[in-house]
Amino acid sequence: MVGFFIQVDEPEVQEFSWSVMVPPYSKMKERLDLFDRRKICKDHKFHTGFLARVDHKWRLSFDSNSVTVLVVLPRIDPEYRYSMRESQLQLLSNEEIKSIQTLCFTNDQSPSNRRGTAIRWFARWCNITFYNNKGEYHQAWNDSINQIRILLRVERTSNLRNTHAVMDSLEDGLRYQSILENGRRIDCSPFFMSDQFSDVVLECEGQTFPAHRFLLACRSPVFHRMFSVDMKEAAEGRIVIEDMEPQAVIEMLRFMYCGNVSMLRKDLWIQLLTASDKYDMPTLKILCENEIVKLLNPTNAIELYVTADLHQALLVKDKALKIIRLSVLLR
């Protein structure tokens, strides 16, 4: 065992997602106007990420012309302080994002909230029927919308000056340090999946995702070369990706903009591993390897060993080989 101290100054930000199917807006508005009241959804909790380990809850409520999100986070914690970052409310039609609304949270400054063991954070989106876009009014929430998705971004800051990390080997320790050091970068999350200043799109299975050449070039030497020479992608501002699913493309962009990845099924982690090798993003590769080793078992060890060998994923390759050897010995 190798023990060492790593200075951790930067806060950690994780994104938590929740979605719900909704009826046509006109029917919902008619019902709310008729009874002149607010629809309040029941309290929810997240069971993944760092919020799974702390007492918290959040609630969504809406009336005929506004949506309010309440998040309750712990005030007193021996290790961390928690706060809300800028988040998103997405309107979808048949799984396709039609509109993205920014949620800016403020904490409750009432005397009762300042004395309690928890802090309440509020964000509200008013005038949900219309939003202003380039001086014109468009109906954002119309009857074609059948799903809303909330993406809550929570910040966790350590109360301790140092974090003691104990790794299985010096190599694993250096990998962990590399992830931390690469995470200390300018926060580009407000531009994730945003059309603002976008000058390139990624296309996958008929879906398009807005992006920014400068950021892609900073994160990936492959994209840097692509935009630096006279290639079709640079001229058209469109990059067609045929070897990934749309969800994997979204998570690759999420990592490039936000520095984190949502929980994924096994085949998507493998697609991300392939993308990290293809686009030369070593930090993403380390993250994928750390998740894939958790999925290793005697049934899939050979398959994942071949995949790891193809993409030079040394951590997965080493762990898979150990499982294969052990399985042979136990026969």
C-alpha atoms as a PDB file:
ATOM      1  CA  MET A   1       0.000   0.000   0.000  1.00  0.00           C
ATOM      2  CA  VAL A   2       1.259   3.448  -0.899  1.00  0.00           C
ATOM      3  CA  GLY A   3      -0.040   6.416   1.072  1.00  0.00           C
ATOM      4  CA  PHE A   4       0.423  10.061   0.188  1.00  0.00           C
ATOM      5  CA  PHE A   5      -1.264  13.440   0.619  1.00  0.00           C
ATOM      6  CA  ILE A   6      -2.802  15.411  -2.233  1.00  0.00           C
ATOM      7  CA  GLN A   7      -3.695  19.077  -1.811  1.00  0.00           C
ATOM      8  CA  VAL A   8      -7.353  19.534  -2.754  1.00  0.00           C
ATOM      9  CA  ASP A   9      -8.309  23.175  -3.170  1.00  0.00           C
ATOM     10  CA  GLU A  10     -10.859  23.050  -5.965  1.00  0.00           C
ATOM     11  CA  PRO A  11     -14.532  22.297  -5.185  1.00  0.00           C
ATOM     12  CA  GLU A  12     -16.132  19.206  -6.680  1.00  0.00           C
ATOM     13  CA  VAL A  13     -19.246  19.668  -8.819  1.00  0.00           C
ATOM     14  CA  GLN A  14     -21.581  16.808  -9.721  1.00  0.00           C
ATOM     15  CA  GLU A  15     -24.669  16.820 -11.920  1.00  0.00           C
ATOM     16  CA  PHE A  16     -27.878  15.026 -10.924  1.00  0.00           C
ATOM     17  CA  SER A  17     -30.612  14.282 -13.432  1.00  0.00           C
ATOM     18  CA  TRP A  18     -34.349  13.627 -13.003  1.00  0.00           C
ATOM     19  CA  SER A  19     -37.141  13.553 -15.586  1.00  0.00           C
ATOM     20  CA  VAL A  20     -40.912  13.157 -15.632  1.00  0.00           C
ATOM     21  CA  MET A  21     -43.580  12.781 -18.306  1.00  0.00           C
ATOM     22  CA  VAL A  22     -46.081  15.637 -18.457  1.00  0.00           C
ATOM     23  CA  PRO A  23     -49.508  16.096 -20.110  1.00  0.00           C
ATOM     24  CA  PRO A  24     -50.066  18.675 -22.892  1.00  0.00           C
ATOM     25  CA  TYR A  25     -49.385  22.147 -21.531  1.00  0.00           C
ATOM     26  CA  SER A  26     -52.801  23.548 -22.493  1.00  0.00           C
ATOM     27  CA  LYS A  27     -54.610  20.874 -20.441  1.00  0.00           C
ATOM     28  CA  MET A  28     -52.305  21.303 -17.473  1.00  0.00           C
ATOM     29  CA  LYS A  29     -52.675  25.106 -17.564  1.00  0.00           C
ATOM     30  CA  GLU A  30     -56.451  24.846 -17.823  1.00  0.00           C
ATOM     31  CA  ARG A  31     -56.553  22.596 -14.770  1.00  0.00           C
ATOM     32  CA  LEU A  32     -54.269  24.859 -12.729  1.00  0.00           C
ATOM     33  CA  ASP A  33     -56.174  28.003 -13.689  1.00  0.00           C
ATOM     34  CA  LEU A  34     -59.486  26.344 -12.855  1.00  0.00           C
ATOM     35  CA  PHE A  35     -58.486  25.496  -9.302  1.00  0.00           C
ATOM     36  CA  ASP A  36     -56.196  28.531  -8.918  1.00  0.00           C
ATOM     37  CA  ARG A  37     -53.485  26.553  -7.163  1.00  0.00           C
ATOM     38  CA  ARG A  38     -49.945  25.270  -7.496  1.00  0.00           C
ATOM     39  CA  LYS A  39     -49.044  21.699  -8.436  1.00  0.00           C
ATOM     40  CA  ILE A  40     -46.408  20.373  -6.027  1.00  0.00           C
ATOM     41  CA  CYS A  41     -44.550  17.147  -6.756  1.00  0.00           C
ATOM     42  CA  LYS A  42     -43.517  14.935  -3.862  1.00  0.00           C
ATOM     43  CA  ASP A  43     -40.044  15.223  -2.332  1.00  0.00           C
ATOM     44  CA  HIS A  44     -37.248  13.379  -4.132  1.00  0.00           C
ATOM     45  CA  LYS A  45     -33.778  12.173  -3.220  1.00  0.00           C
ATOM     46  CA  PHE A  46     -30.838  11.130  -5.368  1.00  0.00           C
ATOM     47  CA  HIS A  47     -29.265   7.739  -4.730  1.00  0.00           C
ATOM     48  CA  THR A  48     -26.081   8.227  -6.762  1.00  0.00           C
ATOM     49  CA  GLY A  49     -23.071  10.530  -6.442  1.00  0.00           C
ATOM     50  CA  PHE A  50     -22.017  12.273  -3.270  1.00  0.00           C
ATOM     51  CA  LEU A  51     -25.612  13.279  -2.407  1.00  0.00           C
ATOM     52  CA  ALA A  52     -26.444   9.612  -1.804  1.00  0.00           C
ATOM     53  CA  ARG A  53     -24.374   9.790   1.390  1.00  0.00           C
ATOM     54  CA  VAL A  54     -25.961  12.911   2.912  1.00  0.00           C
ATOM     55  CA  ASP A  55     -29.422  13.944   4.063  1.00  0.00           C
ATOM     56  CA  HIS A  56     -31.023  16.014   1.313  1.00  0.00           C
ATOM     57  CA  LYS A  57     -34.230  16.421  -0.665  1.00  0.00           C
ATOM     58  CA  TRP A  58     -35.609  18.430  -3.550  1.00  0.00           C
ATOM     59  CA  ARG A  59     -39.033  19.324  -4.855  1.00  0.00           C
ATOM     60  CA  LEU A  60     -40.536  20.591  -8.109  1.00  0.00           C
ATOM     61  CA  SER A  61     -43.669  22.728  -8.183  1.00  0.00           C
ATOM     62  CA  PHE A  62     -45.410  24.682 -10.904  1.00  0.00           C
ATOM     63  CA  ASP A  63     -48.435  26.849 -11.459  1.00  0.00           C
ATOM     64  CA  SER A  64     -49.920  28.105 -14.735  1.00  0.00           C
ATOM     65  CA  ASN A  65     -47.010  30.432 -15.480  1.00  0.00           C
ATOM     66  CA  SER A  66     -43.939  29.433 -13.475  1.00  0.00           C
ATOM     67  CA  VAL A  67     -41.811  26.514 -12.334  1.00  0.00           C
ATOM     68  CA  THR A  68     -40.047  26.505  -8.954  1.00  0.00           C
ATOM     69  CA  VAL A  69     -37.302  24.131  -7.812  1.00  0.00           C
ATOM     70  CA  LEU A  70     -36.506  23.778  -4.100  1.00  0.00           C
ATOM     71  CA  VAL A  71     -33.342  21.965  -3.006  1.00  0.00           C
ATOM     72  CA  VAL A  72     -32.547  21.302   0.656  1.00  0.00           C
ATOM     73  CA  LEU A  73     -28.870  20.592   1.410  1.00  0.00           C
ATOM     74  CA  PRO A  74     -27.119  19.953   4.744  1.00  0.00           C
ATOM     75  CA  ARG A  75     -25.688  22.996   6.517  1.00  0.00           C
ATOM     76  CA  ILE A  76     -23.546  21.101   9.023  1.00  0.00           C
ATOM     77  CA  ASP A  77     -21.233  18.370   7.742  1.00  0.00           C
ATOM     78  CA  PRO A  78     -17.894  17.350   9.307  1.00  0.00           C
ATOM     79  CA  GLU A  79     -16.132  17.108   5.934  1.00  0.00           C
ATOM     80  CA  TYR A  80     -17.889  19.197   3.273  1.00  0.00           C
ATOM     81  CA  ARG A  81     -19.915  22.302   2.498  1.00  0.00           C
ATOM     82  CA  TYR A  82     -22.656  22.040  -0.132  1.00  0.00           C
ATOM     83  CA  SER A  83     -24.125  24.687  -2.439  1.00  0.00           C
ATOM     84  CA  MET A  84     -26.089  24.915  -5.685  1.00  0.00           C
ATOM     85  CA  ARG A  85     -24.559  25.896  -9.009  1.00  0.00           C
ATOM     86  CA  GLU A  86     -26.311  27.086 -12.157  1.00  0.00           C
ATOM     87  CA  SER A  87     -28.548  24.244 -13.356  1.00  0.00           C
ATOM     88  CA  GLN A  88     -30.949  23.473 -16.203  1.00  0.00           C
ATOM     89  CA  LEU A  89     -34.591  22.713 -16.883  1.00  0.00           C
ATOM     90  CA  GLN A  90     -35.044  21.004 -20.240  1.00  0.00           C
ATOM     91  CA  LEU A  91     -38.253  20.642 -22.245  1.00  0.00           C
ATOM     92  CA  LEU A  92     -38.369  17.531 -24.421  1.00  0.00           C
ATOM     93  CA  SER A  93     -40.622  16.156 -27.115  1.00  0.00           C
ATOM     94  CA  ASN A  94     -40.251  12.416 -27.688  1.00  0.00           C
ATOM     95  CA  GLU A  95     -36.767  12.427 -26.072  1.00  0.00           C
ATOM     96  CA  GLU A  96     -35.595  15.364 -28.235  1.00  0.00           C
ATOM     97  CA  ILE A  97     -34.567  18.529 -26.389  1.00  0.00           C
ATOM     98  CA  LYS A  98     -36.666  21.473 -27.586  1.00  0.00           C
ATOM     99  CA  SER A  99     -35.700  24.145 -25.065  1.00  0.00           C
ATOM    100  CA  ILE A 100     -33.189  24.624 -22.253  1.00  0.00           C
ATOM    101  CA  GLN A 101     -33.922  27.048 -19.427  1.00  0.00           C
ATOM    102  CA  THR A 102     -31.214  28.137 -16.984  1.00  0.00           C
ATOM    103  CA  LEU A 103     -31.939  27.769 -13.257  1.00  0.00           C
ATOM    104  CA  CYS A 104     -30.044  30.240 -11.059  1.00  0.00           C
ATOM    105  CA  PHE A 105     -30.343  29.291  -7.385  1.00  0.00           C
ATOM    106  CA  THR A 106     -30.385  31.583  -4.360  1.00  0.00           C
ATOM    107  CA  ASN A 107     -30.429  30.404  -0.747  1.00  0.00           C
ATOM    108  CA  ASP A 108     -33.189  31.252   1.682  1.00  0.00           C
ATOM    109  CA  GLN A 109     -32.033  34.105   3.933  1.00  0.00           C
ATOM    110  CA  SER A 110     -34.948  33.928   6.362  1.00  0.00           C
ATOM    111  CA  PRO A 111     -34.020  33.743  10.102  1.00  0.00           C
ATOM    112  CA  SER A 112     -35.409  30.218  10.446  1.00  0.00           C
ATOM    113  CA  ASN A 113     -33.301  28.971   7.529  1.00  0.00           C
ATOM    114  CA  ARG A 114     -30.124  30.570   8.909  1.00  0.00           C
ATOM    115  CA  ARG A 115     -30.578  28.751  12.228  1.00  0.00           C
ATOM    116  CA  GLY A 116     -31.473  25.302  10.920  1.00  0.00           C
ATOM    117  CA  THR A 117     -29.311  22.283  10.153  1.00  0.00           C
ATOM    118  CA  ALA A 118     -30.161  22.508   6.442  1.00  0.00           C
ATOM    119  CA  ILE A 119     -30.038  25.234   3.785  1.00  0.00           C
ATOM    120  CA  ARG A 120     -32.883  25.751   1.328  1.00  0.00           C
ATOM    121  CA  TRP A 121     -32.036  26.809  -2.229  1.00  0.00           C
ATOM    122  CA  PHE A 122     -34.631  28.189  -4.665  1.00  0.00           C
ATOM    123  CA  ALA A 123     -34.700  28.679  -8.424  1.00  0.00           C
ATOM    124  CA  ARG A 124     -37.696  29.890 -10.412  1.00  0.00           C
ATOM    125  CA  TRP A 125     -38.508  30.060 -14.111  1.00  0.00           C
ATOM    126  CA  CYS A 126     -41.259  32.590 -14.718  1.00  0.00           C
ATOM    127  CA  ASN A 127     -43.309  33.233 -17.858  1.00  0.00           C
ATOM    128  CA  ILE A 128     -42.981  29.657 -18.997  1.00  0.00           C
ATOM    129  CA  THR A 129     -45.370  30.134 -21.902  1.00  0.00           C
ATOM    130  CA  PHE A 130     -42.947  32.327 -23.849  1.00  0.00           C
ATOM    131  CA  TYR A 131     -39.286  33.191 -23.934  1.00  0.00           C
ATOM    132  CA  ASN A 132     -37.431  35.882 -25.833  1.00  0.00           C
ATOM    133  CA  ASN A 133     -35.008  34.706 -28.498  1.00  0.00           C
ATOM    134  CA  LYS A 134     -33.213  37.307 -30.659  1.00  0.00           C
ATOM    135  CA  GLY A 135     -35.949  39.814 -30.037  1.00  0.00           C
ATOM    136  CA  GLU A 136     -38.749  37.454 -31.074  1.00  0.00           C
ATOM    137  CA  TYR A 137     -41.187  35.565 -28.915  1.00  0.00           C
ATOM    138  CA  HIS A 138     -41.534  31.814 -29.282  1.00  0.00           C
ATOM    139  CA  GLN A 139     -43.701  29.420 -27.316  1.00  0.00           C
ATOM    140  CA  ALA A 140     -41.240  27.267 -25.364  1.00  0.00           C
ATOM    141  CA  TRP A 141     -43.648  24.987 -23.515  1.00  0.00           C
ATOM    142  CA  ASN A 142     -46.329  23.955 -25.984  1.00  0.00           C
ATOM    143  CA  ASP A 143     -48.487  20.878 -26.358  1.00  0.00           C
ATOM    144  CA  SER A 144     -45.733  18.958 -28.149  1.00  0.00           C
ATOM    145  CA  ILE A 145     -43.713  18.860 -24.916  1.00  0.00           C
ATOM    146  CA  ASN A 146     -44.300  15.544 -23.139  1.00  0.00           C
ATOM    147  CA  GLN A 147     -41.298  15.394 -20.796  1.00  0.00           C
ATOM    148  CA  ILE A 148     -39.331  17.741 -18.561  1.00  0.00           C
ATOM    149  CA  ARG A 149     -35.836  17.036 -17.292  1.00  0.00           C
ATOM    150  CA  ILE A 150     -34.075  18.688 -14.373  1.00  0.00           C
ATOM    151  CA  LEU A 151     -30.252  18.790 -14.320  1.00  0.00           C
ATOM    152  CA  LEU A 152     -29.142  19.936 -10.871  1.00  0.00           C
ATOM    153  CA  ARG A 153     -25.476  20.863 -10.388  1.00  0.00           C
ATOM    154  CA  VAL A 154     -24.310  20.664  -6.769  1.00  0.00           C
ATOM    155  CA  GLU A 155     -20.953  21.893  -5.477  1.00  0.00           C
ATOM    156  CA  ARG A 156     -19.122  20.167  -2.637  1.00  0.00           C
ATOM    157  CA  THR A 157     -16.170  21.928  -0.997  1.00  0.00           C
ATOM    158  CA  SER A 158     -13.882  20.147   1.430  1.00  0.00           C
ATOM    159  CA  ASN A 159     -13.670  21.477   4.995  1.00  0.00           C
ATOM    160  CA  LEU A 160     -10.255  19.847   5.318  1.00  0.00           C
ATOM    161  CA  ARG A 161      -7.070  21.275   3.873  1.00  0.00           C
ATOM    162  CA  ASN A 162      -5.703  17.898   2.789  1.00  0.00           C
ATOM    163  CA  THR A 163      -7.256  14.669   1.656  1.00  0.00           C
ATOM    164  CA  HIS A 164      -5.382  11.463   2.461  1.00  0.00           C
ATOM    165  CA  ALA A 165      -5.513   9.008  -0.416  1.00  0.00           C
ATOM    166  CA  VAL A 166      -4.351   5.420  -0.105  1.00  0.00           C
ATOM    167  CA  MET A 167      -3.895   3.590  -3.397  1.00  0.00           C
ATOM    168  CA  ASP A 168      -3.151  -0.018  -4.335  1.00  0.00           C
ATOM    169  CA  SER A 169       0.013   1.078  -6.136  1.00  0.00           C
ATOM    170  CA  LEU A 170       2.030   4.159  -6.931  1.00  0.00           C
ATOM    171  CA  GLU A 171       0.723   3.999 -10.494  1.00  0.00           C
ATOM    172  CA  ASP A 172      -2.890   4.174  -9.283  1.00  0.00           C
ATOM    173  CA  GLY A 173      -1.948   7.080  -7.018  1.00  0.00           C
ATOM    174  CA  LEU A 174      -0.433   9.016  -9.902  1.00  0.00           C
ATOM    175  CA  ARG A 175      -3.528   8.309 -11.993  1.00  0.00           C
ATOM    176  CA  TYR A 176      -5.723   9.729  -9.218  1.00  0.00           C
ATOM    177  CA  GLN A 177      -3.521  12.798  -8.951  1.00  0.00           C
ATOM    178  CA  SER A 178      -3.721  13.264 -12.712  1.00  0.00           C
ATOM    179  CA  ILE A 179      -7.522  13.301 -12.563  1.00  0.00           C
ATOM    180  CA  LEU A 180      -7.467  15.952  -9.845  1.00  0.00           C
ATOM    181  CA  GLU A 181      -4.958  18.141 -11.639  1.00  0.00           C
ATOM    182  CA  ASN A 182      -6.812  17.937 -14.935  1.00  0.00           C
ATOM    183  CA  GLY A 183     -10.038  18.788 -13.153  1.00  0.00           C
ATOM    184  CA  ARG A 184      -8.626  22.165 -12.108  1.00  0.00           C
ATOM    185  CA  ARG A 185      -9.617  24.116 -15.141  1.00  0.00           C
ATOM    186  CA  ILE A 186     -11.966  26.876 -16.220  1.00  0.00           C
ATOM    187  CA  ASP A 187     -15.612  25.945 -15.659  1.00  0.00           C
ATOM    188  CA  CYS A 188     -17.195  25.725 -19.115  1.00  0.00           C
ATOM    189  CA  SER A 189     -20.392  24.005 -17.951  1.00  0.00           C
ATOM    190  CA  PRO A 190     -22.660  27.004 -18.771  1.00  0.00           C
ATOM    191  CA  PHE A 191     -21.903  26.363 -22.454  1.00  0.00           C
ATOM    192  CA  PHE A 192     -22.625  22.618 -22.323  1.00  0.00           C
ATOM    193  CA  MET A 193     -25.301  21.809 -24.938  1.00  0.00           C
ATOM    194  CA  SER A 194     -25.770  25.553 -25.470  1.00  0.00           C
ATOM    195  CA  ASP A 195     -26.209  27.275 -28.832  1.00  0.00           C
ATOM    196  CA  GLN A 196     -24.636  30.447 -27.430  1.00  0.00           C
ATOM    197  CA  PHE A 197     -21.403  31.163 -29.352  1.00  0.00           C
ATOM    198  CA  SER A 198     -21.588  27.654 -30.855  1.00  0.00           C
ATOM    199  CA  ASP A 199     -19.644  27.358 -34.116  1.00  0.00           C
ATOM    200  CA  VAL A 200     -19.697  23.599 -34.711  1.00  0.00           C
ATOM    201  CA  VAL A 201     -22.157  20.723 -34.216  1.00  0.00           C
ATOM    202  CA  LEU A 202     -21.608  17.027 -33.556  1.00  0.00           C
ATOM    203  CA  GLU A 203     -24.045  14.805 -35.451  1.00  0.00           C
ATOM    204  CA  CYS A 204     -24.896  11.261 -34.394  1.00  0.00           C
ATOM    205  CA  GLU A 205     -27.784   9.103 -35.652  1.00  0.00           C
ATOM    206  CA  GLY A 206     -29.653  12.152 -36.923  1.00  0.00           C
ATOM    207  CA  GLN A 207     -29.274  14.129 -33.682  1.00  0.00           C
ATOM    208  CA  THR A 208     -27.112  17.239 -33.493  1.00  0.00           C
ATOM    209  CA  PHE A 209     -25.315  18.669 -30.464  1.00  0.00           C
ATOM    210  CA  PRO A 210     -23.942  22.229 -30.363  1.00  0.00           C
ATOM    211  CA  ALA A 211     -20.288  22.703 -29.424  1.00  0.00           C
ATOM    212  CA  HIS A 212     -17.426  25.206 -29.597  1.00  0.00           C
ATOM    213  CA  ARG A 213     -14.299  24.666 -31.684  1.00  0.00           C
ATOM    214  CA  PHE A 214     -11.979  26.403 -29.220  1.00  0.00           C
ATOM    215  CA  LEU A 215     -13.008  24.172 -26.320  1.00  0.00           C
ATOM    216  CA  LEU A 216     -12.938  20.950 -28.352  1.00  0.00           C
ATOM    217  CA  ALA A 217      -9.467  21.864 -29.619  1.00  0.00           C
ATOM    218  CA  CYS A 218      -8.266  22.556 -26.060  1.00  0.00           C
ATOM    219  CA  ARG A 219      -9.558  19.227 -24.758  1.00  0.00           C
ATOM    220  CA  SER A 220      -8.490  17.003 -27.653  1.00  0.00           C
ATOM    221  CA  PRO A 221      -5.382  17.141 -29.883  1.00  0.00           C
ATOM    222  CA  VAL A 222      -7.389  15.270 -32.527  1.00  0.00           C
ATOM    223  CA  PHE A 223     -10.019  18.006 -32.700  1.00  0.00           C
ATOM    224  CA  HIS A 224      -7.209  20.573 -32.655  1.00  0.00           C
ATOM    225  CA  ARG A 225      -5.671  19.041 -35.774  1.00  0.00           C
ATOM    226  CA  MET A 226      -9.083  18.675 -37.388  1.00  0.00           C
ATOM    227  CA  PHE A 227      -9.800  22.398 -37.070  1.00  0.00           C
ATOM    228  CA  SER A 228      -6.239  23.453 -37.933  1.00  0.00           C
ATOM    229  CA  VAL A 229      -6.149  21.953 -41.434  1.00  0.00           C
ATOM    230  CA  ASP A 230      -8.389  22.202 -44.466  1.00  0.00           C
ATOM    231  CA  MET A 231     -10.697  19.309 -43.599  1.00  0.00           C
ATOM    232  CA  LYS A 232     -14.366  18.850 -44.453  1.00  0.00           C
ATOM    233  CA  GLU A 233     -15.387  19.098 -40.775  1.00  0.00           C
ATOM    234  CA  ALA A 234     -13.637  22.436 -40.349  1.00  0.00           C
ATOM    235  CA  ALA A 235     -15.190  23.883 -43.504  1.00  0.00           C
ATOM    236  CA  GLU A 236     -18.758  22.722 -42.796  1.00  0.00           C
ATOM    237  CA  GLY A 237     -18.713  23.145 -39.017  1.00  0.00           C
ATOM    238  CA  ARG A 238     -20.209  19.670 -38.688  1.00  0.00           C
ATOM    239  CA  ILE A 239     -18.596  16.515 -37.274  1.00  0.00           C
ATOM    240  CA  VAL A 240     -20.399  13.255 -38.029  1.00  0.00           C
ATOM    241  CA  ILE A 241     -19.798  10.513 -35.426  1.00  0.00           C
ATOM    242  CA  GLU A 242     -20.804   7.040 -36.568  1.00  0.00           C
ATOM    243  CA  ASP A 243     -19.162   4.756 -33.989  1.00  0.00           C
ATOM    244  CA  MET A 244     -21.016   5.984 -30.885  1.00  0.00           C
ATOM    245  CA  GLU A 245     -24.579   6.246 -29.626  1.00  0.00           C
ATOM    246  CA  PRO A 246     -26.021   9.755 -29.109  1.00  0.00           C
ATOM    247  CA  GLN A 247     -25.964   9.309 -25.305  1.00  0.00           C
ATOM    248  CA  ALA A 248     -22.260   8.494 -25.410  1.00  0.00           C
ATOM    249  CA  VAL A 249     -21.617  11.624 -27.491  1.00  0.00           C
ATOM    250  CA  ILE A 250     -23.531  13.706 -24.929  1.00  0.00           C
ATOM    251  CA  GLU A 251     -21.465  12.255 -22.082  1.00  0.00           C
ATOM    252  CA  MET A 252     -18.216  12.884 -23.947  1.00  0.00           C
ATOM    253  CA  LEU A 253     -19.249  16.521 -24.373  1.00  0.00           C
ATOM    254  CA  ARG A 254     -20.363  16.678 -20.738  1.00  0.00           C
ATOM    255  CA  PHE A 255     -16.887  15.591 -19.661  1.00  0.00           C
ATOM    256  CA  MET A 256     -15.200  18.117 -21.950  1.00  0.00           C
ATOM    257  CA  TYR A 257     -17.365  20.977 -20.653  1.00  0.00           C
ATOM    258  CA  CYS A 258     -18.171  19.968 -17.062  1.00  0.00           C
ATOM    259  CA  GLY A 259     -15.416  17.538 -16.086  1.00  0.00           C
ATOM    260  CA  ASN A 260     -17.801  14.738 -15.083  1.00  0.00           C
ATOM    261  CA  VAL A 261     -19.888  11.940 -16.570  1.00  0.00           C
ATOM    262  CA  SER A 262     -23.343  10.682 -15.609  1.00  0.00           C
ATOM    263  CA  MET A 263     -23.924   7.105 -14.539  1.00  0.00           C
ATOM    264  CA  LEU A 264     -23.913   4.886 -17.643  1.00  0.00           C
ATOM    265  CA  ARG A 265     -24.558   1.285 -18.604  1.00  0.00           C
ATOM    266  CA  LYS A 266     -21.542  -0.912 -19.424  1.00  0.00           C
ATOM    267  CA  ASP A 267     -21.607  -0.610 -23.226  1.00  0.00           C
ATOM    268  CA  LEU A 268     -21.662   3.193 -23.022  1.00  0.00           C
ATOM    269  CA  TRP A 269     -18.619   3.210 -20.741  1.00  0.00           C
ATOM    270  CA  ILE A 270     -16.854   1.101 -23.373  1.00  0.00           C
ATOM    271  CA  GLN A 271     -17.923   3.532 -26.096  1.00  0.00           C
ATOM    272  CA  LEU A 272     -16.521   6.399 -24.021  1.00  0.00           C
ATOM    273  CA  LEU A 273     -13.285   4.465 -23.540  1.00  0.00           C
ATOM    274  CA  THR A 274     -13.052   4.042 -27.308  1.00  0.00           C
ATOM    275  CA  ALA A 275     -13.737   7.751 -27.794  1.00  0.00           C
ATOM    276  CA  SER A 276     -11.085   8.718 -25.231  1.00  0.00           C
ATOM    277  CA  ASP A 277      -8.528   6.737 -27.235  1.00  0.00           C
ATOM    278  CA  LYS A 278      -9.764   7.984 -30.608  1.00  0.00           C
ATOM    279  CA  TYR A 279      -9.719  11.654 -29.584  1.00  0.00           C
ATOM    280  CA  ASP A 280      -6.637  11.372 -27.349  1.00  0.00           C
ATOM    281  CA  MET A 281      -8.202  12.363 -24.016  1.00  0.00           C
ATOM    282  CA  PRO A 282      -6.165  10.508 -21.344  1.00  0.00           C
ATOM    283  CA  THR A 283      -8.084  11.890 -18.366  1.00  0.00           C
ATOM    284  CA  LEU A 284     -11.385  10.618 -19.769  1.00  0.00           C
ATOM    285  CA  LYS A 285      -9.693   7.263 -20.418  1.00  0.00           C
ATOM    286  CA  ILE A 286      -8.638   7.012 -16.757  1.00  0.00           C
ATOM    287  CA  LEU A 287     -12.174   7.808 -15.620  1.00  0.00           C
ATOM    288  CA  CYS A 288     -13.614   5.152 -17.954  1.00  0.00           C
ATOM    289  CA  GLU A 289     -11.065   2.579 -16.822  1.00  0.00           C
ATOM    290  CA  ASN A 290     -11.902   3.187 -13.154  1.00  0.00           C
ATOM    291  CA  GLU A 291     -15.592   2.555 -13.914  1.00  0.00           C
ATOM    292  CA  ILE A 292     -15.085  -0.428 -16.208  1.00  0.00           C
ATOM    293  CA  VAL A 293     -12.936  -2.328 -13.674  1.00  0.00           C
ATOM    294  CA  LYS A 294     -15.957  -2.257 -11.346  1.00  0.00           C
ATOM    295  CA  LEU A 295     -17.893  -4.199 -13.995  1.00  0.00           C
ATOM    296  CA  LEU A 296     -15.262  -6.912 -14.445  1.00  0.00           C
ATOM    297  CA  ASN A 297     -16.275 -10.495 -13.659  1.00  0.00           C
ATOM    298  CA  PRO A 298     -15.278 -13.987 -14.885  1.00  0.00           C
ATOM    299  CA  THR A 299     -17.987 -13.845 -17.578  1.00  0.00           C
ATOM    300  CA  ASN A 300     -16.810 -10.670 -19.324  1.00  0.00           C
ATOM    301  CA  ALA A 301     -13.111 -10.627 -18.401  1.00  0.00           C
ATOM    302  CA  ILE A 302     -11.867 -11.986 -21.753  1.00  0.00           C
ATOM    303  CA  GLU A 303     -14.058  -9.602 -23.765  1.00  0.00           C
ATOM    304  CA  LEU A 304     -12.936  -6.578 -21.753  1.00  0.00           C
ATOM    305  CA  TYR A 305      -9.305  -7.712 -21.870  1.00  0.00           C
ATOM    306  CA  VAL A 306      -9.443  -7.642 -25.686  1.00  0.00           C
ATOM    307  CA  THR A 307     -11.084  -4.202 -25.634  1.00  0.00           C
ATOM    308  CA  ALA A 308      -8.532  -2.870 -23.143  1.00  0.00           C
ATOM    309  CA  ASP A 309      -5.635  -4.235 -25.201  1.00  0.00           C
ATOM    310  CA  LEU A 310      -7.026  -2.579 -28.334  1.00  0.00           C
ATOM    311  CA  HIS A 311      -7.191   0.848 -26.650  1.00  0.00           C
ATOM    312  CA  GLN A 312      -4.140   0.514 -24.373  1.00  0.00           C
ATOM    313  CA  ALA A 313      -6.316   0.682 -21.243  1.00  0.00           C
ATOM    314  CA  LEU A 314      -3.646  -0.722 -18.955  1.00  0.00           C
ATOM    315  CA  LEU A 315      -5.629  -0.695 -15.701  1.00  0.00           C
ATOM    316  CA  VAL A 316      -8.545  -2.679 -17.193  1.00  0.00           C
ATOM    317  CA  LYS A 317      -6.158  -5.005 -19.010  1.00  0.00           C
ATOM    318  CA  ASP A 318      -4.243  -5.796 -15.813  1.00  0.00           C
ATOM    319  CA  LYS A 319      -7.355  -6.413 -13.690  1.00  0.00           C
ATOM    320  CA  ALA A 320      -9.004  -8.519 -16.426  1.00  0.00           C
ATOM    321  CA  LEU A 321      -5.884 -10.658 -16.791  1.00  0.00           C
ATOM    322  CA  LYS A 322      -5.850 -11.350 -13.044  1.00  0.00           C
ATOM    323  CA  ILE A 323      -9.489 -12.506 -13.158  1.00  0.00           C
ATOM    324  CA  ILE A 324      -8.806 -14.712 -16.186  1.00  0.00           C
ATOM    325  CA  ARG A 325      -5.812 -16.353 -14.485  1.00  0.00           C
ATOM    326  CA  LEU A 326      -7.802 -16.903 -11.293  1.00  0.00           C
ATOM    327  CA  SER A 327     -10.679 -18.466 -13.242  1.00  0.00           C
ATOM    328  CA  VAL A 328      -8.280 -20.883 -14.912  1.00  0.00           C
ATOM    329  CA  LEU A 329      -6.778 -21.906 -11.566  1.00  0.00           C
ATOM    330  CA  LEU A 330     -10.202 -22.569 -10.059  1.00  0.00           C
ATOM    331  CA  ARG A 331     -11.347 -24.859 -12.862  1.00  0.00           C
END
